Amino acid sequence: MIYDQTEKMLEQRTDRDSCSFLLSWTLTQDNTQATTCALGTADSILDLAQKANNTLGHLTTYCTTKSYPNIISIDNVGNVNNVIIFVMQINKFFATGKGI
């Protein structure tokens, strides 16, 4: 997911005047995962989303003052501390043009 979204961001948002970029940090379970998570043999979509949300901060290494997400879509908005930190970093360092 990191590779897919960073590639799209770097291709679509090449400078500050580029169109807004939607970072889609959402998951889709396959049929087996969806039907077996209730049995405890696979993680639920909420568990998977929490794991994904915990890695969101790694994307700051791919952000620059010219290329960063403007909109972020996530699953499992119940516990979003890592997402809030990521968004605050984008606003403080990249959207302002200061950089890290």
PDB file of N, CA and C in Angstrom:
ATOM      1  N   MET A   1       0.824  -1.187   0.000  1.00  0.00           N
ATOM      2  CA  MET A   1       0.000   0.000   0.000  1.00  0.00           C
ATOM      3  C   MET A   1       0.872   1.256   0.000  1.00  0.00           C
ATOM      4  N   ILE A   2       1.966   1.228   0.765  1.00  0.00           N
ATOM      5  CA  ILE A   2       2.856   2.391   0.793  1.00  0.00           C
ATOM      6  C   ILE A   2       3.401   2.660  -0.603  1.00  0.00           C
ATOM      7  N   TYR A   3       3.888   1.613  -1.260  1.00  0.00           N
ATOM      8  CA  TYR A   3       4.469   1.786  -2.589  1.00  0.00           C
ATOM      9  C   TYR A   3       3.433   2.331  -3.569  1.00  0.00           C
ATOM     10  N   ASP A   4       2.262   1.733  -3.588  1.00  0.00           N
ATOM     11  CA  ASP A   4       1.201   2.144  -4.507  1.00  0.00           C
ATOM     12  C   ASP A   4       0.837   3.611  -4.320  1.00  0.00           C
ATOM     13  N   GLN A   5       0.591   4.008  -3.096  1.00  0.00           N
ATOM     14  CA  GLN A   5       0.147   5.375  -2.841  1.00  0.00           C
ATOM     15  C   GLN A   5       1.262   6.406  -3.030  1.00  0.00           C
ATOM     16  N   THR A   6       2.491   6.067  -2.654  1.00  0.00           N
ATOM     17  CA  THR A   6       3.580   7.036  -2.854  1.00  0.00           C
ATOM     18  C   THR A   6       3.885   7.206  -4.333  1.00  0.00           C
ATOM     19  N   GLU A   7       3.822   6.133  -5.104  1.00  0.00           N
ATOM     20  CA  GLU A   7       4.032   6.248  -6.549  1.00  0.00           C
ATOM     21  C   GLU A   7       2.985   7.160  -7.171  1.00  0.00           C
ATOM     22  N   LYS A   8       1.730   6.961  -6.800  1.00  0.00           N
ATOM     23  CA  LYS A   8       0.657   7.804  -7.332  1.00  0.00           C
ATOM     24  C   LYS A   8       0.855   9.258  -6.922  1.00  0.00           C
ATOM     25  N   MET A   9       1.226   9.482  -5.663  1.00  0.00           N
ATOM     26  CA  MET A   9       1.425  10.850  -5.181  1.00  0.00           C
ATOM     27  C   MET A   9       2.555  11.533  -5.947  1.00  0.00           C
ATOM     28  N   LEU A  10       3.670  10.845  -6.109  1.00  0.00           N
ATOM     29  CA  LEU A  10       4.818  11.440  -6.787  1.00  0.00           C
ATOM     30  C   LEU A  10       4.552  11.675  -8.272  1.00  0.00           C
ATOM     31  N   GLU A  11       3.690  10.864  -8.875  1.00  0.00           N
ATOM     32  CA  GLU A  11       3.323  11.052 -10.281  1.00  0.00           C
ATOM     33  C   GLU A  11       2.291  12.161 -10.457  1.00  0.00           C
ATOM     34  N   GLN A  12       1.308  12.217  -9.573  1.00  0.00           N
ATOM     35  CA  GLN A  12       0.188  13.139  -9.745  1.00  0.00           C
ATOM     36  C   GLN A  12       0.425  14.514  -9.143  1.00  0.00           C
ATOM     37  N   ARG A  13       1.243  14.588  -8.118  1.00  0.00           N
ATOM     38  CA  ARG A  13       1.457  15.876  -7.447  1.00  0.00           C
ATOM     39  C   ARG A  13       2.943  16.219  -7.552  1.00  0.00           C
ATOM     40  N   THR A  14       3.304  16.815  -8.669  1.00  0.00           N
ATOM     41  CA  THR A  14       4.711  17.099  -8.947  1.00  0.00           C
ATOM     42  C   THR A  14       5.165  18.453  -8.426  1.00  0.00           C
ATOM     43  N   ASP A  15       4.221  19.334  -8.121  1.00  0.00           N
ATOM     44  CA  ASP A  15       4.576  20.622  -7.520  1.00  0.00           C
ATOM     45  C   ASP A  15       3.392  21.165  -6.731  1.00  0.00           C
ATOM     46  N   ARG A  16       3.615  22.254  -6.032  1.00  0.00           N
ATOM     47  CA  ARG A  16       2.593  22.806  -5.135  1.00  0.00           C
ATOM     48  C   ARG A  16       1.328  23.230  -5.873  1.00  0.00           C
ATOM     49  N   ASP A  17       1.441  23.538  -7.157  1.00  0.00           N
ATOM     50  CA  ASP A  17       0.287  23.978  -7.934  1.00  0.00           C
ATOM     51  C   ASP A  17      -0.469  22.828  -8.595  1.00  0.00           C
ATOM     52  N   SER A  18       0.011  21.600  -8.417  1.00  0.00           N
ATOM     53  CA  SER A  18      -0.685  20.437  -8.981  1.00  0.00           C
ATOM     54  C   SER A  18      -2.042  20.265  -8.304  1.00  0.00           C
ATOM     55  N   CYS A  19      -2.892  19.496  -8.951  1.00  0.00           N
ATOM     56  CA  CYS A  19      -4.196  19.192  -8.353  1.00  0.00           C
ATOM     57  C   CYS A  19      -3.999  18.490  -7.014  1.00  0.00           C
ATOM     58  N   SER A  20      -5.005  18.571  -6.186  1.00  0.00           N
ATOM     59  CA  SER A  20      -4.960  17.906  -4.883  1.00  0.00           C
ATOM     60  C   SER A  20      -4.795  16.403  -5.059  1.00  0.00           C
ATOM     61  N   PHE A  21      -4.105  15.794  -4.100  1.00  0.00           N
ATOM     62  CA  PHE A  21      -3.909  14.345  -4.138  1.00  0.00           C
ATOM     63  C   PHE A  21      -4.646  13.696  -2.976  1.00  0.00           C
ATOM     64  N   LEU A  22      -5.462  12.700  -3.291  1.00  0.00           N
ATOM     65  CA  LEU A  22      -6.183  11.912  -2.291  1.00  0.00           C
ATOM     66  C   LEU A  22      -5.355  10.683  -1.951  1.00  0.00           C
ATOM     67  N   LEU A  23      -4.869  10.623  -0.731  1.00  0.00           N
ATOM     68  CA  LEU A  23      -4.161   9.442  -0.239  1.00  0.00           C
ATOM     69  C   LEU A  23      -5.211   8.461   0.267  1.00  0.00           C
ATOM     70  N   SER A  24      -5.356   7.347  -0.418  1.00  0.00           N
ATOM     71  CA  SER A  24      -6.353   6.343  -0.055  1.00  0.00           C
ATOM     72  C   SER A  24      -5.673   5.253   0.762  1.00  0.00           C
ATOM     73  N   TRP A  25      -5.844   5.316   2.071  1.00  0.00           N
ATOM     74  CA  TRP A  25      -5.204   4.385   2.995  1.00  0.00           C
ATOM     75  C   TRP A  25      -6.258   3.412   3.499  1.00  0.00           C
ATOM     76  N   THR A  26      -6.921   2.743   2.559  1.00  0.00           N
ATOM     77  CA  THR A  26      -8.021   1.840   2.898  1.00  0.00           C
ATOM     78  C   THR A  26      -7.708   0.430   2.406  1.00  0.00           C
ATOM     79  N   LEU A  27      -8.293  -0.539   3.070  1.00  0.00           N
ATOM     80  CA  LEU A  27      -8.030  -1.947   2.794  1.00  0.00           C
ATOM     81  C   LEU A  27      -9.279  -2.644   2.277  1.00  0.00           C
ATOM     82  N   THR A  28      -9.057  -3.730   1.575  1.00  0.00           N
ATOM     83  CA  THR A  28     -10.147  -4.595   1.143  1.00  0.00           C
ATOM     84  C   THR A  28      -9.770  -6.026   1.495  1.00  0.00           C
ATOM     85  N   GLN A  29     -10.647  -6.691   2.225  1.00  0.00           N
ATOM     86  CA  GLN A  29     -10.407  -8.099   2.545  1.00  0.00           C
ATOM     87  C   GLN A  29     -10.816  -8.963   1.360  1.00  0.00           C
ATOM     88  N   ASP A  30     -10.105 -10.074   1.187  1.00  0.00           N
ATOM     89  CA  ASP A  30     -10.578 -11.035   0.194  1.00  0.00           C
ATOM     90  C   ASP A  30     -11.703 -11.860   0.835  1.00  0.00           C
ATOM     91  N   ASN A  31     -12.332 -12.698   0.051  1.00  0.00           N
ATOM     92  CA  ASN A  31     -13.482 -13.473   0.549  1.00  0.00           C
ATOM     93  C   ASN A  31     -13.119 -14.354   1.736  1.00  0.00           C
ATOM     94  N   THR A  32     -11.961 -14.978   1.693  1.00  0.00           N
ATOM     95  CA  THR A  32     -11.546 -15.858   2.789  1.00  0.00           C
ATOM     96  C   THR A  32     -11.356 -15.070   4.076  1.00  0.00           C
ATOM     97  N   GLN A  33     -10.681 -13.944   3.990  1.00  0.00           N
ATOM     98  CA  GLN A  33     -10.473 -13.114   5.182  1.00  0.00           C
ATOM     99  C   GLN A  33     -11.806 -12.643   5.758  1.00  0.00           C
ATOM    100  N   ALA A  34     -12.685 -12.199   4.888  1.00  0.00           N
ATOM    101  CA  ALA A  34     -13.969 -11.670   5.350  1.00  0.00           C
ATOM    102  C   ALA A  34     -14.823 -12.738   6.028  1.00  0.00           C
ATOM    103  N   THR A  35     -14.770 -13.956   5.531  1.00  0.00           N
ATOM    104  CA  THR A  35     -15.623 -15.005   6.104  1.00  0.00           C
ATOM    105  C   THR A  35     -14.992 -15.707   7.296  1.00  0.00           C
ATOM    106  N   THR A  36     -13.682 -15.647   7.448  1.00  0.00           N
ATOM    107  CA  THR A  36     -13.043 -16.356   8.558  1.00  0.00           C
ATOM    108  C   THR A  36     -12.633 -15.457   9.718  1.00  0.00           C
ATOM    109  N   CYS A  37     -12.752 -14.156   9.591  1.00  0.00           N
ATOM    110  CA  CYS A  37     -12.347 -13.293  10.705  1.00  0.00           C
ATOM    111  C   CYS A  37     -13.249 -13.501  11.922  1.00  0.00           C
ATOM    112  N   ALA A  38     -14.516 -13.822  11.701  1.00  0.00           N
ATOM    113  CA  ALA A  38     -15.424 -14.080  12.823  1.00  0.00           C
ATOM    114  C   ALA A  38     -15.045 -15.363  13.568  1.00  0.00           C
ATOM    115  N   LEU A  39     -14.352 -16.255  12.893  1.00  0.00           N
ATOM    116  CA  LEU A  39     -13.910 -17.511  13.515  1.00  0.00           C
ATOM    117  C   LEU A  39     -12.597 -17.341  14.268  1.00  0.00           C
ATOM    118  N   GLY A  40     -11.978 -16.190  14.100  1.00  0.00           N
ATOM    119  CA  GLY A  40     -10.714 -15.928  14.771  1.00  0.00           C
ATOM    120  C   GLY A  40      -9.498 -16.427  14.017  1.00  0.00           C
ATOM    121  N   THR A  41      -9.689 -16.877  12.794  1.00  0.00           N
ATOM    122  CA  THR A  41      -8.553 -17.381  12.008  1.00  0.00           C
ATOM    123  C   THR A  41      -7.948 -16.318  11.097  1.00  0.00           C
ATOM    124  N   ALA A  42      -8.575 -15.163  11.024  1.00  0.00           N
ATOM    125  CA  ALA A  42      -8.045 -14.043  10.236  1.00  0.00           C
ATOM    126  C   ALA A  42      -8.357 -12.754  10.986  1.00  0.00           C
ATOM    127  N   ASP A  43      -7.554 -11.735  10.754  1.00  0.00           N
ATOM    128  CA  ASP A  43      -7.800 -10.433  11.381  1.00  0.00           C
ATOM    129  C   ASP A  43      -9.053  -9.793  10.804  1.00  0.00           C
ATOM    130  N   SER A  44      -9.767  -9.056  11.643  1.00  0.00           N
ATOM    131  CA  SER A  44     -10.927  -8.313  11.162  1.00  0.00           C
ATOM    132  C   SER A  44     -10.447  -7.118  10.349  1.00  0.00           C
ATOM    133  N   ILE A  45     -11.341  -6.537   9.596  1.00  0.00           N
ATOM    134  CA  ILE A  45     -10.988  -5.361   8.797  1.00  0.00           C
ATOM    135  C   ILE A  45     -10.567  -4.205   9.706  1.00  0.00           C
ATOM    136  N   LEU A  46     -11.159  -4.118  10.900  1.00  0.00           N
ATOM    137  CA  LEU A  46     -10.771  -3.061  11.835  1.00  0.00           C
ATOM    138  C   LEU A  46      -9.362  -3.279  12.369  1.00  0.00           C
ATOM    139  N   ASP A  47      -9.018  -4.534  12.658  1.00  0.00           N
ATOM    140  CA  ASP A  47      -7.652  -4.840  13.107  1.00  0.00           C
ATOM    141  C   ASP A  47      -6.639  -4.540  12.012  1.00  0.00           C
ATOM    142  N   LEU A  48      -6.962  -4.939  10.790  1.00  0.00           N
ATOM    143  CA  LEU A  48      -6.065  -4.666   9.663  1.00  0.00           C
ATOM    144  C   LEU A  48      -5.915  -3.164   9.435  1.00  0.00           C
ATOM    145  N   ALA A  49      -7.019  -2.443   9.555  1.00  0.00           N
ATOM    146  CA  ALA A  49      -6.973  -0.992   9.364  1.00  0.00           C
ATOM    147  C   ALA A  49      -6.119  -0.324  10.429  1.00  0.00           C
ATOM    148  N   GLN A  50      -6.217  -0.796  11.664  1.00  0.00           N
ATOM    149  CA  GLN A  50      -5.403  -0.216  12.732  1.00  0.00           C
ATOM    150  C   GLN A  50      -3.921  -0.440  12.460  1.00  0.00           C
ATOM    151  N   LYS A  51      -3.578  -1.637  11.997  1.00  0.00           N
ATOM    152  CA  LYS A  51      -2.180  -1.912  11.643  1.00  0.00           C
ATOM    153  C   LYS A  51      -1.716  -0.985  10.523  1.00  0.00           C
ATOM    154  N   ALA A  52      -2.562  -0.792   9.531  1.00  0.00           N
ATOM    155  CA  ALA A  52      -2.213   0.102   8.418  1.00  0.00           C
ATOM    156  C   ALA A  52      -2.077   1.544   8.903  1.00  0.00           C
ATOM    157  N   ASN A  53      -3.004   1.983   9.748  1.00  0.00           N
ATOM    158  CA  ASN A  53      -2.952   3.357  10.259  1.00  0.00           C
ATOM    159  C   ASN A  53      -1.686   3.599  11.075  1.00  0.00           C
ATOM    160  N   ASN A  54      -1.208   2.563  11.759  1.00  0.00           N
ATOM    161  CA  ASN A  54       0.017   2.700  12.549  1.00  0.00           C
ATOM    162  C   ASN A  54       1.251   2.916  11.679  1.00  0.00           C
ATOM    163  N   THR A  55       1.187   2.547  10.411  1.00  0.00           N
ATOM    164  CA  THR A  55       2.332   2.731   9.512  1.00  0.00           C
ATOM    165  C   THR A  55       2.246   4.012   8.690  1.00  0.00           C
ATOM    166  N   LEU A  56       1.189   4.746   8.836  1.00  0.00           N
ATOM    167  CA  LEU A  56       0.969   5.943   8.017  1.00  0.00           C
ATOM    168  C   LEU A  56       2.099   6.962   8.141  1.00  0.00           C
ATOM    169  N   GLY A  57       2.662   7.095   9.310  1.00  0.00           N
ATOM    170  CA  GLY A  57       3.734   8.061   9.526  1.00  0.00           C
ATOM    171  C   GLY A  57       4.966   7.820   8.680  1.00  0.00           C
ATOM    172  N   HIS A  58       5.157   6.583   8.212  1.00  0.00           N
ATOM    173  CA  HIS A  58       6.303   6.279   7.355  1.00  0.00           C
ATOM    174  C   HIS A  58       6.243   7.042   6.031  1.00  0.00           C
ATOM    175  N   LEU A  59       5.070   7.515   5.670  1.00  0.00           N
ATOM    176  CA  LEU A  59       4.927   8.233   4.401  1.00  0.00           C
ATOM    177  C   LEU A  59       5.606   9.595   4.408  1.00  0.00           C
ATOM    178  N   THR A  60       5.910  10.132   5.579  1.00  0.00           N
ATOM    179  CA  THR A  60       6.568  11.447   5.602  1.00  0.00           C
ATOM    180  C   THR A  60       7.921  11.404   4.909  1.00  0.00           C
ATOM    181  N   THR A  61       8.554  10.245   4.846  1.00  0.00           N
ATOM    182  CA  THR A  61       9.844  10.156   4.152  1.00  0.00           C
ATOM    183  C   THR A  61       9.690  10.353   2.650  1.00  0.00           C
ATOM    184  N   TYR A  62       8.474  10.195   2.132  1.00  0.00           N
ATOM    185  CA  TYR A  62       8.215  10.379   0.704  1.00  0.00           C
ATOM    186  C   TYR A  62       7.645  11.760   0.393  1.00  0.00           C
ATOM    187  N   CYS A  63       7.292  12.513   1.403  1.00  0.00           N
ATOM    188  CA  CYS A  63       6.689  13.829   1.205  1.00  0.00           C
ATOM    189  C   CYS A  63       7.766  14.892   1.028  1.00  0.00           C
ATOM    190  N   THR A  64       7.454  15.869   0.208  1.00  0.00           N
ATOM    191  CA  THR A  64       8.317  17.036   0.041  1.00  0.00           C
ATOM    192  C   THR A  64       7.429  18.269   0.078  1.00  0.00           C
ATOM    193  N   THR A  65       8.024  19.437   0.001  1.00  0.00           N
ATOM    194  CA  THR A  65       7.218  20.658  -0.023  1.00  0.00           C
ATOM    195  C   THR A  65       6.444  20.785  -1.332  1.00  0.00           C
ATOM    196  N   LYS A  66       6.785  19.974  -2.327  1.00  0.00           N
ATOM    197  CA  LYS A  66       6.070  19.993  -3.603  1.00  0.00           C
ATOM    198  C   LYS A  66       5.083  18.840  -3.740  1.00  0.00           C
ATOM    199  N   SER A  67       5.327  17.753  -3.036  1.00  0.00           N
ATOM    200  CA  SER A  67       4.523  16.550  -3.201  1.00  0.00           C
ATOM    201  C   SER A  67       4.126  15.988  -1.840  1.00  0.00           C
ATOM    202  N   TYR A  68       2.862  16.145  -1.502  1.00  0.00           N
ATOM    203  CA  TYR A  68       2.314  15.652  -0.238  1.00  0.00           C
ATOM    204  C   TYR A  68       0.813  15.470  -0.419  1.00  0.00           C
ATOM    205  N   PRO A  69       0.180  14.617   0.381  1.00  0.00           N
ATOM    206  CA  PRO A  69      -1.262  14.412   0.229  1.00  0.00           C
ATOM    207  C   PRO A  69      -2.052  15.608   0.768  1.00  0.00           C
ATOM    208  N   ASN A  70      -3.112  15.948   0.060  1.00  0.00           N
ATOM    209  CA  ASN A  70      -4.005  17.020   0.496  1.00  0.00           C
ATOM    210  C   ASN A  70      -5.220  16.474   1.232  1.00  0.00           C
ATOM    211  N   ILE A  71      -5.623  15.276   0.854  1.00  0.00           N
ATOM    212  CA  ILE A  71      -6.797  14.628   1.427  1.00  0.00           C
ATOM    213  C   ILE A  71      -6.379  13.205   1.798  1.00  0.00           C
ATOM    214  N   ILE A  72      -6.799  12.739   2.967  1.00  0.00           N
ATOM    215  CA  ILE A  72      -6.439  11.392   3.410  1.00  0.00           C
ATOM    216  C   ILE A  72      -7.713  10.630   3.751  1.00  0.00           C
ATOM    217  N   SER A  73      -7.861   9.461   3.146  1.00  0.00           N
ATOM    218  CA  SER A  73      -9.004   8.595   3.400  1.00  0.00           C
ATOM    219  C   SER A  73      -8.504   7.344   4.117  1.00  0.00           C
ATOM    220  N   ILE A  74      -9.092   7.040   5.292  1.00  0.00           N
ATOM    221  CA  ILE A  74      -8.647   5.886   6.079  1.00  0.00           C
ATOM    222  C   ILE A  74      -9.840   5.044   6.522  1.00  0.00           C
ATOM    223  N   ASP A  75      -9.536   3.806   6.886  1.00  0.00           N
ATOM    224  CA  ASP A  75     -10.506   2.928   7.552  1.00  0.00           C
ATOM    225  C   ASP A  75     -10.311   3.065   9.056  1.00  0.00           C
ATOM    226  N   ASN A  76     -11.307   2.666   9.827  1.00  0.00           N
ATOM    227  CA  ASN A  76     -11.229   2.599  11.289  1.00  0.00           C
ATOM    228  C   ASN A  76     -10.804   3.929  11.906  1.00  0.00           C
ATOM    229  N   VAL A  77     -11.689   4.880  11.866  1.00  0.00           N
ATOM    230  CA  VAL A  77     -11.378   6.201  12.407  1.00  0.00           C
ATOM    231  C   VAL A  77     -11.537   6.267  13.919  1.00  0.00           C
ATOM    232  N   GLY A  78     -11.770   5.137  14.563  1.00  0.00           N
ATOM    233  CA  GLY A  78     -11.941   5.117  16.015  1.00  0.00           C
ATOM    234  C   GLY A  78     -10.701   5.512  16.780  1.00  0.00           C
ATOM    235  N   ASN A  79      -9.543   5.058  16.357  1.00  0.00           N
ATOM    236  CA  ASN A  79      -8.282   5.373  17.029  1.00  0.00           C
ATOM    237  C   ASN A  79      -7.348   5.975  15.989  1.00  0.00           C
ATOM    238  N   VAL A  80      -7.266   7.279  15.968  1.00  0.00           N
ATOM    239  CA  VAL A  80      -6.562   7.956  14.875  1.00  0.00           C
ATOM    240  C   VAL A  80      -5.372   8.787  15.338  1.00  0.00           C
ATOM    241  N   ASN A  81      -4.810   8.479  16.493  1.00  0.00           N
ATOM    242  CA  ASN A  81      -3.686   9.281  16.984  1.00  0.00           C
ATOM    243  C   ASN A  81      -2.546   9.357  15.976  1.00  0.00           C
ATOM    244  N   ASN A  82      -2.187   8.229  15.366  1.00  0.00           N
ATOM    245  CA  ASN A  82      -1.109   8.235  14.377  1.00  0.00           C
ATOM    246  C   ASN A  82      -1.481   9.038  13.143  1.00  0.00           C
ATOM    247  N   VAL A  83      -2.743   8.996  12.776  1.00  0.00           N
ATOM    248  CA  VAL A  83      -3.207   9.761  11.624  1.00  0.00           C
ATOM    249  C   VAL A  83      -3.131  11.255  11.929  1.00  0.00           C
ATOM    250  N   ILE A  84      -3.539  11.642  13.120  1.00  0.00           N
ATOM    251  CA  ILE A  84      -3.479  13.054  13.518  1.00  0.00           C
ATOM    252  C   ILE A  84      -2.042  13.555  13.491  1.00  0.00           C
ATOM    253  N   ILE A  85      -1.120  12.762  14.007  1.00  0.00           N
ATOM    254  CA  ILE A  85       0.297  13.154  14.000  1.00  0.00           C
ATOM    255  C   ILE A  85       0.785  13.330  12.564  1.00  0.00           C
ATOM    256  N   PHE A  86       0.430  12.403  11.684  1.00  0.00           N
ATOM    257  CA  PHE A  86       0.837  12.482  10.283  1.00  0.00           C
ATOM    258  C   PHE A  86       0.287  13.748   9.626  1.00  0.00           C
ATOM    259  N   VAL A  87      -0.982  14.023   9.837  1.00  0.00           N
ATOM    260  CA  VAL A  87      -1.609  15.208   9.247  1.00  0.00           C
ATOM    261  C   VAL A  87      -0.972  16.486   9.787  1.00  0.00           C
ATOM    262  N   MET A  88      -0.674  16.517  11.073  1.00  0.00           N
ATOM    263  CA  MET A  88      -0.029  17.700  11.654  1.00  0.00           C
ATOM    264  C   MET A  88       1.369  17.900  11.070  1.00  0.00           C
ATOM    265  N   GLN A  89       2.092  16.812  10.827  1.00  0.00           N
ATOM    266  CA  GLN A  89       3.410  16.927  10.202  1.00  0.00           C
ATOM    267  C   GLN A  89       3.297  17.487   8.789  1.00  0.00           C
ATOM    268  N   ILE A  90       2.322  17.019   8.043  1.00  0.00           N
ATOM    269  CA  ILE A  90       2.119  17.538   6.687  1.00  0.00           C
ATOM    270  C   ILE A  90       1.833  19.033   6.741  1.00  0.00           C
ATOM    271  N   ASN A  91       0.918  19.435   7.619  1.00  0.00           N
ATOM    272  CA  ASN A  91       0.561  20.853   7.717  1.00  0.00           C
ATOM    273  C   ASN A  91       1.729  21.717   8.167  1.00  0.00           C
ATOM    274  N   LYS A  92       2.511  21.235   9.108  1.00  0.00           N
ATOM    275  CA  LYS A  92       3.606  22.037   9.656  1.00  0.00           C
ATOM    276  C   LYS A  92       4.805  22.123   8.720  1.00  0.00           C
ATOM    277  N   PHE A  93       5.170  21.013   8.110  1.00  0.00           N
ATOM    278  CA  PHE A  93       6.424  20.977   7.366  1.00  0.00           C
ATOM    279  C   PHE A  93       6.271  21.067   5.849  1.00  0.00           C
ATOM    280  N   PHE A  94       5.238  20.470   5.295  1.00  0.00           N
ATOM    281  CA  PHE A  94       5.157  20.380   3.842  1.00  0.00           C
ATOM    282  C   PHE A  94       4.192  21.402   3.245  1.00  0.00           C
ATOM    283  N   ALA A  95       2.992  21.512   3.791  1.00  0.00           N
ATOM    284  CA  ALA A  95       2.020  22.452   3.247  1.00  0.00           C
ATOM    285  C   ALA A  95       2.476  23.897   3.410  1.00  0.00           C
ATOM    286  N   THR A  96       3.269  24.168   4.436  1.00  0.00           N
ATOM    287  CA  THR A  96       3.776  25.528   4.648  1.00  0.00           C
ATOM    288  C   THR A  96       4.985  25.836   3.777  1.00  0.00           C
ATOM    289  N   GLY A  97       5.564  24.795   3.173  1.00  0.00           N
ATOM    290  CA  GLY A  97       6.735  24.989   2.328  1.00  0.00           C
ATOM    291  C   GLY A  97       8.045  24.991   3.082  1.00  0.00           C
ATOM    292  N   LYS A  98       8.018  24.709   4.390  1.00  0.00           N
ATOM    293  CA  LYS A  98       9.239  24.744   5.203  1.00  0.00           C
ATOM    294  C   LYS A  98      10.095  23.498   5.025  1.00  0.00           C
ATOM    295  N   GLY A  99       9.476  22.342   4.871  1.00  0.00           N
ATOM    296  CA  GLY A  99      10.216  21.085   4.813  1.00  0.00           C
ATOM    297  C   GLY A  99      10.694  20.678   6.193  1.00  0.00           C
ATOM    298  N   ILE A 100      11.245  19.482   6.255  1.00  0.00           N
ATOM    299  CA  ILE A 100      11.739  18.983   7.550  1.00  0.00           C
ATOM    300  C   ILE A 100      13.190  19.356   7.703  1.00  0.00           C
TER     301      ILE A 100
END
